[in-house]
C-alpha cells in the first residue's frame, strides 16, 4: 500500500418485504460498488441501523403493516436528518389508489 486511504463506500439501506426485489437490487447496487444492508421488514431495518449508518435509504412504502414505510422513514429522518430517503411502492397496483404527494402539505407530512 502507498499510505493512501481507500475511499469509503457509500452505504445504502434497502428495505422491502419482497425477497426478489431485495435480492435483485442488492446485487445490482453491490456490483456498482455500494455497501448494502438489506432488510425484509421495518423491525429488521431498525435493528440494522444500530450498527449500520446509511448514506441513502430505499424503502418499500407498504410492508407487513400498510404504514411501515412511512413509520420507518420518520424514524430514520429523526435519527439521520440529512439522510435521503427514496420510497418505492406498488400501492397503485395493490390497491388501485394513486399515490402522489403533490401538494406541499402532503410532501411536508412525509418529509419529502
PDB file of N, CA and C in Angstrom:
ATOM      1  N   UNK A   1       0.844  -1.200   0.000  1.00  0.00           N
ATOM      2  CA  UNK A   1       0.000   0.000   0.000  1.00  0.00           C
ATOM      3  C   UNK A   1       0.874   1.242   0.000  1.00  0.00           C
ATOM      4  N   UNK A   2       0.360   2.278  -0.534  1.00  0.00           N
ATOM      5  CA  UNK A   2       1.128   3.508  -0.639  1.00  0.00           C
ATOM      6  C   UNK A   2       0.765   4.521   0.437  1.00  0.00           C
ATOM      7  N   UNK A   3       0.010   4.117   1.437  1.00  0.00           N
ATOM      8  CA  UNK A   3      -0.377   5.016   2.512  1.00  0.00           C
ATOM      9  C   UNK A   3      -1.613   5.838   2.215  1.00  0.00           C
ATOM     10  N   UNK A   4      -2.158   5.710   1.020  1.00  0.00           N
ATOM     11  CA  UNK A   4      -3.369   6.437   0.655  1.00  0.00           C
ATOM     12  C   UNK A   4      -4.582   5.664   1.153  1.00  0.00           C
ATOM     13  N   UNK A   5      -5.450   6.355   1.867  1.00  0.00           N
ATOM     14  CA  UNK A   5      -6.649   5.702   2.402  1.00  0.00           C
ATOM     15  C   UNK A   5      -7.611   5.373   1.271  1.00  0.00           C
ATOM     16  N   UNK A   6      -8.213   4.218   1.377  1.00  0.00           N
ATOM     17  CA  UNK A   6      -9.234   3.827   0.405  1.00  0.00           C
ATOM     18  C   UNK A   6     -10.479   4.673   0.650  1.00  0.00           C
ATOM     19  N   UNK A   7     -11.140   5.128  -0.414  1.00  0.00           N
ATOM     20  CA  UNK A   7     -12.379   5.888  -0.201  1.00  0.00           C
ATOM     21  C   UNK A   7     -13.439   4.983   0.420  1.00  0.00           C
ATOM     22  N   UNK A   8     -14.206   5.561   1.315  1.00  0.00           N
ATOM     23  CA  UNK A   8     -15.262   4.793   1.979  1.00  0.00           C
ATOM     24  C   UNK A   8     -16.417   4.567   1.008  1.00  0.00           C
ATOM     25  N   UNK A   9     -16.958   3.352   1.025  1.00  0.00           N
ATOM     26  CA  UNK A   9     -18.096   3.040   0.164  1.00  0.00           C
ATOM     27  C   UNK A   9     -19.341   3.764   0.658  1.00  0.00           C
ATOM     28  N   UNK A  10     -20.167   4.198  -0.283  1.00  0.00           N
ATOM     29  CA  UNK A  10     -21.471   4.748   0.062  1.00  0.00           C
ATOM     30  C   UNK A  10     -22.337   3.609   0.581  1.00  0.00           C
ATOM     31  N   UNK A  11     -22.983   3.847   1.718  1.00  0.00           N
ATOM     32  CA  UNK A  11     -23.780   2.814   2.389  1.00  0.00           C
ATOM     33  C   UNK A  11     -25.269   3.031   2.100  1.00  0.00           C
ATOM     34  N   UNK A  12     -25.907   1.973   1.603  1.00  0.00           N
ATOM     35  CA  UNK A  12     -27.327   2.048   1.253  1.00  0.00           C
ATOM     36  C   UNK A  12     -28.108   1.032   2.072  1.00  0.00           C
ATOM     37  N   UNK A  13     -29.165   1.504   2.697  1.00  0.00           N
ATOM     38  CA  UNK A  13     -30.115   0.634   3.388  1.00  0.00           C
ATOM     39  C   UNK A  13     -31.291   0.429   2.448  1.00  0.00           C
ATOM     40  N   UNK A  14     -31.591  -0.824   2.147  1.00  0.00           N
ATOM     41  CA  UNK A  14     -32.738  -1.124   1.286  1.00  0.00           C
ATOM     42  C   UNK A  14     -33.681  -2.031   2.071  1.00  0.00           C
ATOM     43  N   UNK A  15     -34.950  -1.627   2.132  1.00  0.00           N
ATOM     44  CA  UNK A  15     -35.930  -2.336   2.955  1.00  0.00           C
ATOM     45  C   UNK A  15     -37.164  -2.641   2.121  1.00  0.00           C
ATOM     46  N   UNK A  16     -37.486  -3.929   2.025  1.00  0.00           N
ATOM     47  CA  UNK A  16     -38.661  -4.355   1.265  1.00  0.00           C
ATOM     48  C   UNK A  16     -39.026  -5.755   1.727  1.00  0.00           C
ATOM     49  N   UNK A  17     -40.306  -6.051   1.783  1.00  0.00           N
ATOM     50  CA  UNK A  17     -40.734  -7.398   2.179  1.00  0.00           C
ATOM     51  C   UNK A  17     -40.760  -8.365   0.997  1.00  0.00           C
ATOM     52  N   UNK A  18     -40.424  -7.883  -0.189  1.00  0.00           N
ATOM     53  CA  UNK A  18     -40.335  -8.723  -1.382  1.00  0.00           C
ATOM     54  C   UNK A  18     -38.892  -9.218  -1.510  1.00  0.00           C
ATOM     55  N   UNK A  19     -38.665 -10.502  -1.220  1.00  0.00           N
ATOM     56  CA  UNK A  19     -37.313 -11.059  -1.220  1.00  0.00           C
ATOM     57  C   UNK A  19     -36.642 -10.942  -2.586  1.00  0.00           C
ATOM     58  N   UNK A  20     -37.406 -11.107  -3.664  1.00  0.00           N
ATOM     59  CA  UNK A  20     -36.835 -10.996  -5.009  1.00  0.00           C
ATOM     60  C   UNK A  20     -36.345  -9.574  -5.282  1.00  0.00           C
ATOM     61  N   UNK A  21     -37.144  -8.588  -4.875  1.00  0.00           N
ATOM     62  CA  UNK A  21     -36.750  -7.184  -5.036  1.00  0.00           C
ATOM     63  C   UNK A  21     -35.459  -6.918  -4.283  1.00  0.00           C
ATOM     64  N   UNK A  22     -35.401  -7.376  -3.019  1.00  0.00           N
ATOM     65  CA  UNK A  22     -34.198  -7.178  -2.209  1.00  0.00           C
ATOM     66  C   UNK A  22     -32.983  -7.816  -2.859  1.00  0.00           C
ATOM     67  N   UNK A  23     -33.123  -9.075  -3.268  1.00  0.00           N
ATOM     68  CA  UNK A  23     -32.004  -9.810  -3.850  1.00  0.00           C
ATOM     69  C   UNK A  23     -31.490  -9.116  -5.106  1.00  0.00           C
ATOM     70  N   UNK A  24     -32.408  -8.810  -6.015  1.00  0.00           N
ATOM     71  CA  UNK A  24     -32.029  -8.196  -7.287  1.00  0.00           C
ATOM     72  C   UNK A  24     -31.340  -6.850  -7.083  1.00  0.00           C
ATOM     73  N   UNK A  25     -31.912  -6.002  -6.254  1.00  0.00           N
ATOM     74  CA  UNK A  25     -31.359  -4.664  -6.073  1.00  0.00           C
ATOM     75  C   UNK A  25     -30.078  -4.682  -5.244  1.00  0.00           C
ATOM     76  N   UNK A  26     -29.994  -5.584  -4.288  1.00  0.00           N
ATOM     77  CA  UNK A  26     -28.757  -5.696  -3.512  1.00  0.00           C
ATOM     78  C   UNK A  26     -27.596  -6.057  -4.444  1.00  0.00           C
ATOM     79  N   UNK A  27     -27.797  -7.058  -5.299  1.00  0.00           N
ATOM     80  CA  UNK A  27     -26.747  -7.480  -6.230  1.00  0.00           C
ATOM     81  C   UNK A  27     -26.353  -6.327  -7.158  1.00  0.00           C
ATOM     82  N   UNK A  28     -27.342  -5.643  -7.716  1.00  0.00           N
ATOM     83  CA  UNK A  28     -27.047  -4.535  -8.637  1.00  0.00           C
ATOM     84  C   UNK A  28     -26.274  -3.416  -7.938  1.00  0.00           C
ATOM     85  N   UNK A  29     -26.698  -3.065  -6.735  1.00  0.00           N
ATOM     86  CA  UNK A  29     -26.034  -1.981  -6.009  1.00  0.00           C
ATOM     87  C   UNK A  29     -24.628  -2.376  -5.570  1.00  0.00           C
ATOM     88  N   UNK A  30     -24.458  -3.613  -5.089  1.00  0.00           N
ATOM     89  CA  UNK A  30     -23.127  -4.068  -4.689  1.00  0.00           C
ATOM     90  C   UNK A  30     -22.196  -4.129  -5.898  1.00  0.00           C
ATOM     91  N   UNK A  31     -22.705  -4.582  -7.039  1.00  0.00           N
ATOM     92  CA  UNK A  31     -21.890  -4.623  -8.258  1.00  0.00           C
ATOM     93  C   UNK A  31     -21.500  -3.223  -8.728  1.00  0.00           C
ATOM     94  N   UNK A  32     -22.294  -2.234  -8.357  1.00  0.00           N
ATOM     95  CA  UNK A  32     -21.981  -0.842  -8.694  1.00  0.00           C
ATOM     96  C   UNK A  32     -21.027  -0.215  -7.677  1.00  0.00           C
ATOM     97  N   UNK A  33     -20.631  -0.984  -6.650  1.00  0.00           N
ATOM     98  CA  UNK A  33     -19.645  -0.504  -5.689  1.00  0.00           C
ATOM     99  C   UNK A  33     -20.191   0.017  -4.378  1.00  0.00           C
ATOM    100  N   UNK A  34     -21.488  -0.135  -4.137  1.00  0.00           N
ATOM    101  CA  UNK A  34     -22.080   0.342  -2.892  1.00  0.00           C
ATOM    102  C   UNK A  34     -22.033  -0.740  -1.815  1.00  0.00           C
ATOM    103  N   UNK A  35     -21.983  -0.307  -0.561  1.00  0.00           N
ATOM    104  CA  UNK A  35     -22.120  -1.223   0.573  1.00  0.00           C
ATOM    105  C   UNK A  35     -23.604  -1.242   0.912  1.00  0.00           C
ATOM    106  N   UNK A  36     -24.210  -2.419   0.894  1.00  0.00           N
ATOM    107  CA  UNK A  36     -25.663  -2.528   1.030  1.00  0.00           C
ATOM    108  C   UNK A  36     -26.029  -3.335   2.266  1.00  0.00           C
ATOM    109  N   UNK A  37     -26.983  -2.815   3.015  1.00  0.00           N
ATOM    110  CA  UNK A  37     -27.616  -3.552   4.108  1.00  0.00           C
ATOM    111  C   UNK A  37     -29.064  -3.738   3.684  1.00  0.00           C
ATOM    112  N   UNK A  38     -29.497  -4.983   3.564  1.00  0.00           N
ATOM    113  CA  UNK A  38     -30.865  -5.283   3.141  1.00  0.00           C
ATOM    114  C   UNK A  38     -31.662  -5.794   4.330  1.00  0.00           C
ATOM    115  N   UNK A  39     -32.908  -5.350   4.420  1.00  0.00           N
ATOM    116  CA  UNK A  39     -33.798  -5.785   5.496  1.00  0.00           C
ATOM    117  C   UNK A  39     -35.164  -6.094   4.902  1.00  0.00           C
ATOM    118  N   UNK A  40     -35.797  -7.139   5.408  1.00  0.00           N
ATOM    119  CA  UNK A  40     -37.087  -7.566   4.899  1.00  0.00           C
ATOM    120  C   UNK A  40     -38.275  -7.010   5.653  1.00  0.00           C
ATOM    121  N   UNK A  41     -38.018  -6.167   6.659  1.00  0.00           N
ATOM    122  CA  UNK A  41     -39.114  -5.592   7.443  1.00  0.00           C
ATOM    123  C   UNK A  41     -38.632  -4.326   8.138  1.00  0.00           C
ATOM    124  N   UNK A  42     -39.595  -3.568   8.635  1.00  0.00           N
ATOM    125  CA  UNK A  42     -39.259  -2.372   9.406  1.00  0.00           C
ATOM    126  C   UNK A  42     -38.458  -2.748  10.642  1.00  0.00           C
ATOM    127  N   UNK A  43     -38.853  -3.824  11.311  1.00  0.00           N
ATOM    128  CA  UNK A  43     -38.153  -4.266  12.521  1.00  0.00           C
ATOM    129  C   UNK A  43     -36.705  -4.617  12.214  1.00  0.00           C
ATOM    130  N   UNK A  44     -36.475  -5.365  11.132  1.00  0.00           N
ATOM    131  CA  UNK A  44     -35.105  -5.719  10.748  1.00  0.00           C
ATOM    132  C   UNK A  44     -34.287  -4.470  10.420  1.00  0.00           C
ATOM    133  N   UNK A  45     -34.902  -3.511   9.756  1.00  0.00           N
ATOM    134  CA  UNK A  45     -34.199  -2.274   9.405  1.00  0.00           C
ATOM    135  C   UNK A  45     -33.818  -1.496  10.657  1.00  0.00           C
ATOM    136  N   UNK A  46     -34.727  -1.412  11.618  1.00  0.00           N
ATOM    137  CA  UNK A  46     -34.433  -0.688  12.851  1.00  0.00           C
ATOM    138  C   UNK A  46     -33.310  -1.364  13.623  1.00  0.00           C
ATOM    139  N   UNK A  47     -33.242  -2.690  13.576  1.00  0.00           N
ATOM    140  CA  UNK A  47     -32.129  -3.408  14.203  1.00  0.00           C
ATOM    141  C   UNK A  47     -30.830  -3.137  13.450  1.00  0.00           C
ATOM    142  N   UNK A  48     -30.903  -3.110  12.123  1.00  0.00           N
ATOM    143  CA  UNK A  48     -29.701  -2.921  11.301  1.00  0.00           C
ATOM    144  C   UNK A  48     -29.043  -1.573  11.551  1.00  0.00           C
ATOM    145  N   UNK A  49     -29.836  -0.517  11.743  1.00  0.00           N
ATOM    146  CA  UNK A  49     -29.235   0.809  11.890  1.00  0.00           C
ATOM    147  C   UNK A  49     -28.569   1.008  13.244  1.00  0.00           C
ATOM    148  N   UNK A  50     -28.669   0.021  14.125  1.00  0.00           N
ATOM    149  CA  UNK A  50     -27.917   0.122  15.375  1.00  0.00           C
ATOM    150  C   UNK A  50     -26.422  -0.061  15.112  1.00  0.00           C
ATOM    151  N   UNK A  51     -26.073  -0.712  13.997  1.00  0.00           N
ATOM    152  CA  UNK A  51     -24.660  -0.928  13.670  1.00  0.00           C
ATOM    153  C   UNK A  51     -24.313  -0.498  12.244  1.00  0.00           C
ATOM    154  N   UNK A  52     -25.250   0.098  11.534  1.00  0.00           N
ATOM    155  CA  UNK A  52     -25.049   0.479  10.130  1.00  0.00           C
ATOM    156  C   UNK A  52     -25.640   1.863   9.935  1.00  0.00           C
ATOM    157  N   UNK A  53     -24.809   2.829   9.582  1.00  0.00           N
ATOM    158  CA  UNK A  53     -25.288   4.186   9.333  1.00  0.00           C
ATOM    159  C   UNK A  53     -25.384   4.393   7.823  1.00  0.00           C
ATOM    160  N   UNK A  54     -26.594   4.464   7.292  1.00  0.00           N
ATOM    161  CA  UNK A  54     -26.741   4.586   5.836  1.00  0.00           C
ATOM    162  C   UNK A  54     -26.487   6.005   5.333  1.00  0.00           C
ATOM    163  N   UNK A  55     -26.057   6.065   4.071  1.00  0.00           N
ATOM    164  CA  UNK A  55     -25.945   7.338   3.357  1.00  0.00           C
ATOM    165  C   UNK A  55     -27.194   7.590   2.521  1.00  0.00           C
ATOM    166  N   UNK A  56     -27.956   6.522   2.269  1.00  0.00           N
ATOM    167  CA  UNK A  56     -29.188   6.569   1.487  1.00  0.00           C
ATOM    168  C   UNK A  56     -30.069   5.424   1.953  1.00  0.00           C
ATOM    169  N   UNK A  57     -31.373   5.654   2.012  1.00  0.00           N
ATOM    170  CA  UNK A  57     -32.324   4.587   2.342  1.00  0.00           C
ATOM    171  C   UNK A  57     -33.333   4.463   1.209  1.00  0.00           C
ATOM    172  N   UNK A  58     -33.579   3.215   0.811  1.00  0.00           N
ATOM    173  CA  UNK A  58     -34.603   2.900  -0.188  1.00  0.00           C
ATOM    174  C   UNK A  58     -35.620   2.021   0.519  1.00  0.00           C
ATOM    175  N   UNK A  59     -36.845   2.518   0.669  1.00  0.00           N
ATOM    176  CA  UNK A  59     -37.849   1.848   1.489  1.00  0.00           C
ATOM    177  C   UNK A  59     -39.106   1.523   0.699  1.00  0.00           C
ATOM    178  N   UNK A  60     -39.613   0.318   0.913  1.00  0.00           N
ATOM    179  CA  UNK A  60     -40.941  -0.030   0.414  1.00  0.00           C
ATOM    180  C   UNK A  60     -41.949   0.724   1.271  1.00  0.00           C
ATOM    181  N   UNK A  61     -42.969   1.250   0.659  1.00  0.00           N
ATOM    182  CA  UNK A  61     -43.983   2.003   1.389  1.00  0.00           C
ATOM    183  C   UNK A  61     -44.869   1.089   2.227  1.00  0.00           C
ATOM    184  N   UNK A  62     -45.323  -0.013   1.631  1.00  0.00           N
ATOM    185  CA  UNK A  62     -46.244  -0.928   2.313  1.00  0.00           C
ATOM    186  C   UNK A  62     -45.560  -2.279   2.505  1.00  0.00           C
ATOM    187  N   UNK A  63     -45.375  -2.654   3.763  1.00  0.00           N
ATOM    188  CA  UNK A  63     -44.774  -3.949   4.064  1.00  0.00           C
ATOM    189  C   UNK A  63     -45.751  -4.729   4.930  1.00  0.00           C
ATOM    190  N   UNK A  64     -45.280  -5.260   6.054  1.00  0.00           N
ATOM    191  CA  UNK A  64     -46.148  -6.055   6.922  1.00  0.00           C
ATOM    192  C   UNK A  64     -47.385  -5.257   7.342  1.00  0.00           C
ATOM    193  N   UNK A  65     -47.157  -4.015   7.734  1.00  0.00           N
ATOM    194  CA  UNK A  65     -48.253  -3.092   8.035  1.00  0.00           C
ATOM    195  C   UNK A  65     -48.264  -2.045   6.927  1.00  0.00           C
ATOM    196  N   UNK A  66     -49.435  -1.546   6.589  1.00  0.00           N
ATOM    197  CA  UNK A  66     -49.556  -0.631   5.452  1.00  0.00           C
ATOM    198  C   UNK A  66     -48.777   0.666   5.621  1.00  0.00           C
ATOM    199  N   UNK A  67     -48.465   1.043   6.853  1.00  0.00           N
ATOM    200  CA  UNK A  67     -47.747   2.300   7.071  1.00  0.00           C
ATOM    201  C   UNK A  67     -46.277   2.097   7.428  1.00  0.00           C
ATOM    202  N   UNK A  68     -45.744   0.881   7.285  1.00  0.00           N
ATOM    203  CA  UNK A  68     -44.365   0.604   7.700  1.00  0.00           C
ATOM    204  C   UNK A  68     -43.338   1.517   7.034  1.00  0.00           C
ATOM    205  N   UNK A  69     -43.490   1.775   5.752  1.00  0.00           N
ATOM    206  CA  UNK A  69     -42.533   2.640   5.061  1.00  0.00           C
ATOM    207  C   UNK A  69     -42.556   4.059   5.600  1.00  0.00           C
ATOM    208  N   UNK A  70     -43.750   4.599   5.841  1.00  0.00           N
ATOM    209  CA  UNK A  70     -43.862   5.934   6.427  1.00  0.00           C
ATOM    210  C   UNK A  70     -43.247   5.970   7.820  1.00  0.00           C
ATOM    211  N   UNK A  71     -43.605   4.991   8.644  1.00  0.00           N
ATOM    212  CA  UNK A  71     -43.103   4.956  10.022  1.00  0.00           C
ATOM    213  C   UNK A  71     -41.581   4.864  10.023  1.00  0.00           C
ATOM    214  N   UNK A  72     -41.038   3.974   9.205  1.00  0.00           N
ATOM    215  CA  UNK A  72     -39.588   3.825   9.141  1.00  0.00           C
ATOM    216  C   UNK A  72     -38.926   5.090   8.609  1.00  0.00           C
ATOM    217  N   UNK A  73     -39.523   5.710   7.607  1.00  0.00           N
ATOM    218  CA  UNK A  73     -38.977   6.953   7.069  1.00  0.00           C
ATOM    219  C   UNK A  73     -38.903   8.029   8.150  1.00  0.00           C
ATOM    220  N   UNK A  74     -39.973   8.186   8.918  1.00  0.00           N
ATOM    221  CA  UNK A  74     -39.978   9.173  10.010  1.00  0.00           C
ATOM    222  C   UNK A  74     -38.911   8.830  11.043  1.00  0.00           C
ATOM    223  N   UNK A  75     -38.783   7.559  11.388  1.00  0.00           N
ATOM    224  CA  UNK A  75     -37.781   7.121  12.362  1.00  0.00           C
ATOM    225  C   UNK A  75     -36.373   7.445  11.851  1.00  0.00           C
ATOM    226  N   UNK A  76     -36.115   7.112  10.590  1.00  0.00           N
ATOM    227  CA  UNK A  76     -34.794   7.372  10.011  1.00  0.00           C
ATOM    228  C   UNK A  76     -34.494   8.865   9.947  1.00  0.00           C
ATOM    229  N   UNK A  77     -35.478   9.677   9.550  1.00  0.00           N
ATOM    230  CA  UNK A  77     -35.253  11.117   9.425  1.00  0.00           C
ATOM    231  C   UNK A  77     -35.036  11.778  10.790  1.00  0.00           C
ATOM    232  N   UNK A  78     -35.642  11.244  11.839  1.00  0.00           N
ATOM    233  CA  UNK A  78     -35.376  11.767  13.182  1.00  0.00           C
ATOM    234  C   UNK A  78     -33.938  11.447  13.587  1.00  0.00           C
ATOM    235  N   UNK A  79     -33.500  10.230  13.288  1.00  0.00           N
ATOM    236  CA  UNK A  79     -32.157   9.802  13.691  1.00  0.00           C
ATOM    237  C   UNK A  79     -31.077  10.384  12.778  1.00  0.00           C
ATOM    238  N   UNK A  80     -31.363  10.453  11.482  1.00  0.00           N
ATOM    239  CA  UNK A  80     -30.400  10.943  10.490  1.00  0.00           C
ATOM    240  C   UNK A  80     -31.086  12.037   9.655  1.00  0.00           C
ATOM    241  N   UNK A  81     -31.151  13.274  10.154  1.00  0.00           N
ATOM    242  CA  UNK A  81     -31.936  14.322   9.485  1.00  0.00           C
ATOM    243  C   UNK A  81     -31.555  14.593   8.032  1.00  0.00           C
ATOM    244  N   UNK A  82     -30.312  14.382   7.658  1.00  0.00           N
ATOM    245  CA  UNK A  82     -29.872  14.673   6.290  1.00  0.00           C
ATOM    246  C   UNK A  82     -29.894  13.455   5.380  1.00  0.00           C
ATOM    247  N   UNK A  83     -30.434  12.348   5.851  1.00  0.00           N
ATOM    248  CA  UNK A  83     -30.461  11.110   5.076  1.00  0.00           C
ATOM    249  C   UNK A  83     -31.474  11.206   3.937  1.00  0.00           C
ATOM    250  N   UNK A  84     -31.034  11.023   2.693  1.00  0.00           N
ATOM    251  CA  UNK A  84     -32.003  10.944   1.598  1.00  0.00           C
ATOM    252  C   UNK A  84     -32.776   9.625   1.695  1.00  0.00           C
ATOM    253  N   UNK A  85     -34.084   9.694   1.519  1.00  0.00           N
ATOM    254  CA  UNK A  85     -34.940   8.507   1.576  1.00  0.00           C
ATOM    255  C   UNK A  85     -35.735   8.431   0.278  1.00  0.00           C
ATOM    256  N   UNK A  86     -35.665   7.274  -0.368  1.00  0.00           N
ATOM    257  CA  UNK A  86     -36.459   7.009  -1.566  1.00  0.00           C
ATOM    258  C   UNK A  86     -37.530   6.000  -1.185  1.00  0.00           C
ATOM    259  N   UNK A  87     -38.794   6.361  -1.375  1.00  0.00           N
ATOM    260  CA  UNK A  87     -39.900   5.439  -1.116  1.00  0.00           C
ATOM    261  C   UNK A  87     -40.313   4.788  -2.429  1.00  0.00           C
ATOM    262  N   UNK A  88     -40.351   3.463  -2.436  1.00  0.00           N
ATOM    263  CA  UNK A  88     -40.818   2.720  -3.611  1.00  0.00           C
ATOM    264  C   UNK A  88     -42.110   2.023  -3.217  1.00  0.00           C
ATOM    265  N   UNK A  89     -43.015   1.892  -4.175  1.00  0.00           N
ATOM    266  CA  UNK A  89     -44.290   1.285  -3.821  1.00  0.00           C
ATOM    267  C   UNK A  89     -45.004   0.708  -5.034  1.00  0.00           C
ATOM    268  N   UNK A  90     -45.779  -0.297  -4.757  1.00  0.00           N
ATOM    269  CA  UNK A  90     -46.703  -0.864  -5.740  1.00  0.00           C
ATOM    270  C   UNK A  90     -48.127  -0.583  -5.276  1.00  0.00           C
ATOM    271  N   UNK A  91     -48.291   0.499  -4.504  1.00  0.00           N
ATOM    272  CA  UNK A  91     -49.581   0.790  -3.888  1.00  0.00           C
ATOM    273  C   UNK A  91     -50.684   0.923  -4.935  1.00  0.00           C
ATOM    274  N   UNK A  92     -50.396   1.499  -6.083  1.00  0.00           N
ATOM    275  CA  UNK A  92     -51.425   1.646  -7.110  1.00  0.00           C
ATOM    276  C   UNK A  92     -51.851   0.288  -7.640  1.00  0.00           C
ATOM    277  N   UNK A  93     -50.890  -0.588  -7.920  1.00  0.00           N
ATOM    278  CA  UNK A  93     -51.255  -1.915  -8.430  1.00  0.00           C
ATOM    279  C   UNK A  93     -51.875  -2.786  -7.344  1.00  0.00           C
ATOM    280  N   UNK A  94     -51.528  -2.540  -6.082  1.00  0.00           N
ATOM    281  CA  UNK A  94     -52.077  -3.327  -4.979  1.00  0.00           C
ATOM    282  C   UNK A  94     -53.480  -2.873  -4.577  1.00  0.00           C
ATOM    283  N   UNK A  95     -53.714  -1.557  -4.608  1.00  0.00           N
ATOM    284  CA  UNK A  95     -54.966  -1.028  -4.066  1.00  0.00           C
ATOM    285  C   UNK A  95     -55.816  -0.286  -5.089  1.00  0.00           C
ATOM    286  N   UNK A  96     -55.227   0.122  -6.201  1.00  0.00           N
ATOM    287  CA  UNK A  96     -55.943   0.942  -7.167  1.00  0.00           C
ATOM    288  C   UNK A  96     -55.892   2.423  -6.836  1.00  0.00           C
ATOM    289  N   UNK A  97     -55.347   2.768  -5.671  1.00  0.00           N
ATOM    290  CA  UNK A  97     -55.230   4.166  -5.275  1.00  0.00           C
ATOM    291  C   UNK A  97     -53.998   4.774  -5.919  1.00  0.00           C
ATOM    292  N   UNK A  98     -54.107   6.018  -6.325  1.00  0.00           N
ATOM    293  CA  UNK A  98     -52.967   6.723  -6.892  1.00  0.00           C
ATOM    294  C   UNK A  98     -52.240   7.418  -5.752  1.00  0.00           C
ATOM    295  N   UNK A  99     -50.964   7.095  -5.600  1.00  0.00           N
ATOM    296  CA  UNK A  99     -50.141   7.715  -4.559  1.00  0.00           C
ATOM    297  C   UNK A  99     -49.319   8.811  -5.213  1.00  0.00           C
ATOM    298  N   UNK A 100     -49.666  10.065  -4.909  1.00  0.00           N
ATOM    299  CA  UNK A 100     -48.962  11.192  -5.495  1.00  0.00           C
ATOM    300  C   UNK A 100     -48.971  12.345  -4.499  1.00  0.00           C
ATOM    301  N   UNK A 101     -47.907  12.469  -3.708  1.00  0.00           N
ATOM    302  CA  UNK A 101     -47.856  13.574  -2.752  1.00  0.00           C
ATOM    303  C   UNK A 101     -47.573  14.888  -3.478  1.00  0.00           C
ATOM    304  N   UNK A 102     -48.610  15.431  -4.112  1.00  0.00           N
ATOM    305  CA  UNK A 102     -48.434  16.586  -4.985  1.00  0.00           C
ATOM    306  C   UNK A 102     -48.432  17.916  -4.237  1.00  0.00           C
ATOM    307  N   UNK A 103     -49.220  18.018  -3.191  1.00  0.00           N
ATOM    308  CA  UNK A 103     -49.323  19.306  -2.515  1.00  0.00           C
ATOM    309  C   UNK A 103     -48.169  19.483  -1.524  1.00  0.00           C
ATOM    310  N   UNK A 104     -47.837  20.732  -1.212  1.00  0.00           N
ATOM    311  CA  UNK A 104     -46.791  20.982  -0.215  1.00  0.00           C
ATOM    312  C   UNK A 104     -47.123  20.352   1.143  1.00  0.00           C
ATOM    313  N   UNK A 105     -48.408  20.345   1.508  1.00  0.00           N
ATOM    314  CA  UNK A 105     -48.807  19.746   2.782  1.00  0.00           C
ATOM    315  C   UNK A 105     -48.524  18.243   2.795  1.00  0.00           C
ATOM    316  N   UNK A 106     -48.844  17.559   1.686  1.00  0.00           N
ATOM    317  CA  UNK A 106     -48.591  16.119   1.610  1.00  0.00           C
ATOM    318  C   UNK A 106     -47.099  15.824   1.635  1.00  0.00           C
ATOM    319  N   UNK A 107     -46.306  16.608   0.911  1.00  0.00           N
ATOM    320  CA  UNK A 107     -44.859  16.391   0.901  1.00  0.00           C
ATOM    321  C   UNK A 107     -44.276  16.680   2.276  1.00  0.00           C
ATOM    322  N   UNK A 108     -44.788  17.682   2.956  1.00  0.00           N
ATOM    323  CA  UNK A 108     -44.313  18.008   4.295  1.00  0.00           C
ATOM    324  C   UNK A 108     -44.624  16.887   5.270  1.00  0.00           C
ATOM    325  N   UNK A 109     -45.815  16.303   5.144  1.00  0.00           N
ATOM    326  CA  UNK A 109     -46.239  15.233   6.054  1.00  0.00           C
ATOM    327  C   UNK A 109     -45.312  14.033   5.964  1.00  0.00           C
ATOM    328  N   UNK A 110     -44.845  13.689   4.748  1.00  0.00           N
ATOM    329  CA  UNK A 110     -43.956  12.535   4.613  1.00  0.00           C
ATOM    330  C   UNK A 110     -42.484  12.944   4.647  1.00  0.00           C
ATOM    331  N   UNK A 111     -42.227  14.218   4.813  1.00  0.00           N
ATOM    332  CA  UNK A 111     -40.842  14.673   4.902  1.00  0.00           C
ATOM    333  C   UNK A 111     -40.124  14.700   3.567  1.00  0.00           C
ATOM    334  N   UNK A 112     -40.875  14.876   2.486  1.00  0.00           N
ATOM    335  CA  UNK A 112     -40.252  14.888   1.151  1.00  0.00           C
ATOM    336  C   UNK A 112     -39.880  16.297   0.750  1.00  0.00           C
TER     337      UNK A 112
END
